[in-house]
Amino acid sequence: MLMDRAYEDNNTRELALKQGFIPVVPPKRNRKGPWDYDKELYKRRNEVERYFLRIKRFRRVFTRYDKLDTMYLGNLTLAMIFDAILM
């Protein structure tokens, strides 16, 4: 589970471990007991962040105009297809 430094507290990390995830989050610089984490995997978090920013270009998806979940999922799928074609 890739997480930002904002979620690096002990409670969040323990909850992720209890649910079977391996938390990949760097410790804050001022933490007294830092831990090791997969730095290469953490760098890939940026790709996910950039993908969400590209999807947010589609106003209908970003503002969630649709009342029904199925319509929202359809528009989200359409936005993902357009993003795949245009990229």
N, C-alpha and C. Protein backbone atom coordinates (compact mmCIF):
# COMPACT_ATOMS: atom_id res chain seq x y z
N MET A 1 0.86 -1.16 0.00
CA MET A 1 0.00 0.00 0.00
C MET A 1 0.91 1.22 0.00
N LEU A 2 0.83 2.00 -1.06
CA LEU A 2 1.61 3.21 -1.17
C LEU A 2 0.90 4.35 -0.45
N MET A 3 1.61 5.01 0.44
CA MET A 3 1.00 6.09 1.21
C MET A 3 1.93 7.28 1.21
N ASP A 4 1.35 8.44 1.42
CA ASP A 4 2.10 9.68 1.52
C ASP A 4 2.63 9.82 2.95
N ARG A 5 3.59 10.70 3.12
CA ARG A 5 4.15 10.91 4.46
C ARG A 5 3.12 11.38 5.48
N ALA A 6 2.05 11.96 5.00
CA ALA A 6 1.01 12.43 5.93
C ALA A 6 0.36 11.27 6.68
N TYR A 7 0.46 10.05 6.14
CA TYR A 7 -0.17 8.87 6.74
C TYR A 7 0.86 7.95 7.39
N GLU A 8 1.96 8.47 7.85
CA GLU A 8 3.02 7.62 8.35
C GLU A 8 2.93 7.35 9.85
N ASP A 9 1.85 7.70 10.49
CA ASP A 9 1.76 7.47 11.92
C ASP A 9 1.64 5.97 12.22
N ASN A 10 1.92 5.60 13.44
CA ASN A 10 1.95 4.19 13.83
C ASN A 10 0.59 3.51 13.67
N ASN A 11 -0.49 4.21 14.01
CA ASN A 11 -1.83 3.61 13.92
C ASN A 11 -2.18 3.23 12.49
N THR A 12 -1.90 4.10 11.55
CA THR A 12 -2.22 3.81 10.15
C THR A 12 -1.38 2.66 9.62
N ARG A 13 -0.11 2.64 9.96
CA ARG A 13 0.76 1.56 9.51
C ARG A 13 0.34 0.23 10.11
N GLU A 14 -0.03 0.21 11.39
CA GLU A 14 -0.49 -1.03 12.04
C GLU A 14 -1.80 -1.52 11.42
N LEU A 15 -2.71 -0.61 11.11
CA LEU A 15 -3.97 -0.99 10.48
C LEU A 15 -3.72 -1.62 9.11
N ALA A 16 -2.80 -1.04 8.34
CA ALA A 16 -2.48 -1.61 7.02
C ALA A 16 -1.88 -3.01 7.18
N LEU A 17 -1.02 -3.19 8.16
CA LEU A 17 -0.43 -4.51 8.40
C LEU A 17 -1.48 -5.53 8.83
N LYS A 18 -2.42 -5.12 9.68
CA LYS A 18 -3.47 -6.02 10.13
C LYS A 18 -4.35 -6.48 8.98
N GLN A 19 -4.55 -5.60 8.00
CA GLN A 19 -5.40 -5.95 6.87
C GLN A 19 -4.64 -6.67 5.76
N GLY A 20 -3.37 -6.96 6.00
CA GLY A 20 -2.60 -7.76 5.06
C GLY A 20 -1.82 -6.97 4.03
N PHE A 21 -1.73 -5.67 4.19
CA PHE A 21 -0.97 -4.83 3.27
C PHE A 21 0.42 -4.58 3.82
N ILE A 22 1.34 -4.32 2.93
CA ILE A 22 2.68 -3.89 3.34
C ILE A 22 2.75 -2.39 3.11
N PRO A 23 2.79 -1.59 4.17
CA PRO A 23 2.80 -0.14 3.98
C PRO A 23 4.14 0.34 3.43
N VAL A 24 4.08 1.07 2.34
CA VAL A 24 5.28 1.67 1.75
C VAL A 24 5.13 3.17 1.93
N VAL A 25 5.70 3.65 3.00
CA VAL A 25 5.62 5.07 3.33
C VAL A 25 6.93 5.47 3.99
N PRO A 26 7.54 6.56 3.54
CA PRO A 26 8.78 6.99 4.18
C PRO A 26 8.49 7.65 5.52
N PRO A 27 9.36 7.45 6.49
CA PRO A 27 9.16 8.13 7.77
C PRO A 27 9.47 9.62 7.64
N LYS A 28 8.83 10.41 8.47
CA LYS A 28 9.14 11.84 8.47
C LYS A 28 10.60 12.03 8.91
N ARG A 29 11.16 13.11 8.48
CA ARG A 29 12.59 13.35 8.74
C ARG A 29 12.91 13.49 10.23
N ASN A 30 11.95 13.96 11.02
CA ASN A 30 12.21 14.17 12.44
C ASN A 30 11.82 12.98 13.31
N ARG A 31 11.47 11.85 12.71
CA ARG A 31 11.06 10.65 13.48
C ARG A 31 12.29 10.04 14.14
N LYS A 32 12.14 9.64 15.41
CA LYS A 32 13.26 9.08 16.16
C LYS A 32 13.59 7.65 15.77
N GLY A 33 12.58 6.86 15.46
CA GLY A 33 12.81 5.46 15.09
C GLY A 33 12.41 5.21 13.64
N PRO A 34 13.18 5.66 12.67
CA PRO A 34 12.77 5.47 11.27
C PRO A 34 12.83 4.00 10.87
N TRP A 35 12.11 3.64 9.82
CA TRP A 35 12.07 2.28 9.32
C TRP A 35 12.50 2.26 7.86
N ASP A 36 12.78 1.08 7.40
CA ASP A 36 13.15 0.92 5.99
C ASP A 36 11.88 0.76 5.16
N TYR A 37 11.95 1.22 3.93
CA TYR A 37 10.83 1.07 3.00
C TYR A 37 11.39 0.91 1.60
N ASP A 38 10.58 0.42 0.70
CA ASP A 38 10.99 0.19 -0.68
C ASP A 38 10.99 1.53 -1.43
N LYS A 39 12.16 2.11 -1.61
CA LYS A 39 12.26 3.43 -2.22
C LYS A 39 11.87 3.43 -3.69
N GLU A 40 12.18 2.36 -4.40
CA GLU A 40 11.83 2.28 -5.81
C GLU A 40 10.31 2.19 -5.99
N LEU A 41 9.65 1.43 -5.14
CA LEU A 41 8.20 1.32 -5.22
C LEU A 41 7.54 2.64 -4.83
N TYR A 42 8.10 3.34 -3.86
CA TYR A 42 7.55 4.62 -3.45
C TYR A 42 7.65 5.65 -4.57
N LYS A 43 8.69 5.58 -5.37
CA LYS A 43 8.83 6.51 -6.50
C LYS A 43 7.72 6.31 -7.52
N ARG A 44 7.18 5.10 -7.61
CA ARG A 44 6.10 4.82 -8.56
C ARG A 44 4.78 5.43 -8.14
N ARG A 45 4.67 5.87 -6.88
CA ARG A 45 3.46 6.52 -6.41
C ARG A 45 3.17 7.76 -7.24
N ASN A 46 4.20 8.41 -7.72
CA ASN A 46 4.06 9.60 -8.55
C ASN A 46 3.28 9.30 -9.82
N GLU A 47 3.44 8.11 -10.38
CA GLU A 47 2.71 7.75 -11.59
C GLU A 47 1.21 7.70 -11.33
N VAL A 48 0.83 7.18 -10.18
CA VAL A 48 -0.59 7.13 -9.82
C VAL A 48 -1.14 8.53 -9.62
N GLU A 49 -0.38 9.39 -8.95
CA GLU A 49 -0.81 10.77 -8.73
C GLU A 49 -1.00 11.50 -10.05
N ARG A 50 -0.09 11.32 -10.99
CA ARG A 50 -0.19 11.98 -12.29
C ARG A 50 -1.38 11.44 -13.08
N TYR A 51 -1.67 10.15 -12.96
CA TYR A 51 -2.82 9.58 -13.66
C TYR A 51 -4.12 10.20 -13.16
N PHE A 52 -4.27 10.34 -11.84
CA PHE A 52 -5.47 10.96 -11.31
C PHE A 52 -5.59 12.41 -11.76
N LEU A 53 -4.48 13.12 -11.87
CA LEU A 53 -4.54 14.50 -12.37
C LEU A 53 -5.00 14.54 -13.82
N ARG A 54 -4.58 13.57 -14.63
CA ARG A 54 -5.03 13.53 -16.03
C ARG A 54 -6.52 13.22 -16.11
N ILE A 55 -7.00 12.33 -15.26
CA ILE A 55 -8.42 11.98 -15.27
C ILE A 55 -9.27 13.17 -14.81
N LYS A 56 -8.74 13.98 -13.91
CA LYS A 56 -9.49 15.14 -13.40
C LYS A 56 -9.68 16.22 -14.46
N ARG A 57 -9.00 16.11 -15.60
CA ARG A 57 -9.23 17.07 -16.68
C ARG A 57 -10.65 16.97 -17.20
N PHE A 58 -11.27 15.81 -17.05
CA PHE A 58 -12.64 15.61 -17.52
C PHE A 58 -13.59 16.13 -16.45
N ARG A 59 -14.20 17.25 -16.73
CA ARG A 59 -14.99 17.97 -15.74
C ARG A 59 -16.11 17.12 -15.15
N ARG A 60 -16.73 16.33 -15.98
CA ARG A 60 -17.86 15.52 -15.53
C ARG A 60 -17.41 14.50 -14.48
N VAL A 61 -16.21 13.99 -14.63
CA VAL A 61 -15.68 13.03 -13.65
C VAL A 61 -15.25 13.76 -12.39
N PHE A 62 -14.58 14.88 -12.57
CA PHE A 62 -14.03 15.61 -11.43
C PHE A 62 -15.12 16.14 -10.49
N THR A 63 -16.19 16.69 -11.06
CA THR A 63 -17.22 17.30 -10.23
C THR A 63 -18.33 16.32 -9.85
N ARG A 64 -18.33 15.14 -10.46
CA ARG A 64 -19.32 14.09 -10.20
C ARG A 64 -20.75 14.61 -10.33
N TYR A 65 -21.08 15.03 -11.54
CA TYR A 65 -22.43 15.50 -11.83
C TYR A 65 -23.46 14.38 -11.76
N ASP A 66 -23.05 13.18 -12.07
CA ASP A 66 -24.00 12.07 -12.21
C ASP A 66 -24.54 11.65 -10.84
N LYS A 67 -25.84 11.38 -10.83
CA LYS A 67 -26.49 10.94 -9.59
C LYS A 67 -26.32 9.45 -9.35
N LEU A 68 -26.32 8.68 -10.43
CA LEU A 68 -26.23 7.23 -10.30
C LEU A 68 -24.78 6.77 -10.39
N ASP A 69 -24.44 5.79 -9.56
CA ASP A 69 -23.08 5.26 -9.58
C ASP A 69 -22.73 4.63 -10.92
N THR A 70 -23.72 4.00 -11.55
CA THR A 70 -23.45 3.36 -12.85
C THR A 70 -23.12 4.39 -13.91
N MET A 71 -23.79 5.53 -13.88
CA MET A 71 -23.49 6.59 -14.85
C MET A 71 -22.11 7.18 -14.59
N TYR A 72 -21.78 7.36 -13.31
CA TYR A 72 -20.45 7.89 -12.97
C TYR A 72 -19.37 6.91 -13.42
N LEU A 73 -19.57 5.64 -13.18
CA LEU A 73 -18.60 4.64 -13.58
C LEU A 73 -18.46 4.60 -15.10
N GLY A 74 -19.56 4.77 -15.81
CA GLY A 74 -19.50 4.82 -17.27
C GLY A 74 -18.70 6.01 -17.76
N ASN A 75 -18.95 7.17 -17.17
CA ASN A 75 -18.19 8.37 -17.57
C ASN A 75 -16.73 8.27 -17.18
N LEU A 76 -16.46 7.66 -16.04
CA LEU A 76 -15.07 7.45 -15.63
C LEU A 76 -14.36 6.51 -16.60
N THR A 77 -15.04 5.46 -17.00
CA THR A 77 -14.47 4.52 -17.97
C THR A 77 -14.21 5.22 -19.30
N LEU A 78 -15.14 6.04 -19.73
CA LEU A 78 -14.97 6.79 -20.97
C LEU A 78 -13.78 7.75 -20.87
N ALA A 79 -13.63 8.41 -19.73
CA ALA A 79 -12.49 9.30 -19.54
C ALA A 79 -11.18 8.52 -19.56
N MET A 80 -11.18 7.33 -18.99
CA MET A 80 -9.97 6.50 -19.00
C MET A 80 -9.63 6.04 -20.41
N ILE A 81 -10.65 5.74 -21.22
CA ILE A 81 -10.41 5.35 -22.61
C ILE A 81 -9.84 6.53 -23.39
N PHE A 82 -10.45 7.71 -23.23
CA PHE A 82 -9.92 8.89 -23.92
C PHE A 82 -8.49 9.18 -23.50
N ASP A 83 -8.20 9.02 -22.23
CA ASP A 83 -6.84 9.27 -21.75
C ASP A 83 -5.87 8.27 -22.37
N ALA A 84 -6.29 7.01 -22.50
CA ALA A 84 -5.42 6.00 -23.08
C ALA A 84 -5.17 6.28 -24.56
N ILE A 85 -6.17 6.77 -25.26
CA ILE A 85 -6.02 7.06 -26.69
C ILE A 85 -5.14 8.29 -26.89
N LEU A 86 -5.35 9.31 -26.09
CA LEU A 86 -4.63 10.58 -26.26
C LEU A 86 -3.19 10.51 -25.75
N MET A 87 -2.91 9.62 -24.86
CA MET A 87 -1.54 9.55 -24.32
C MET A 87 -0.75 8.67 -25.20
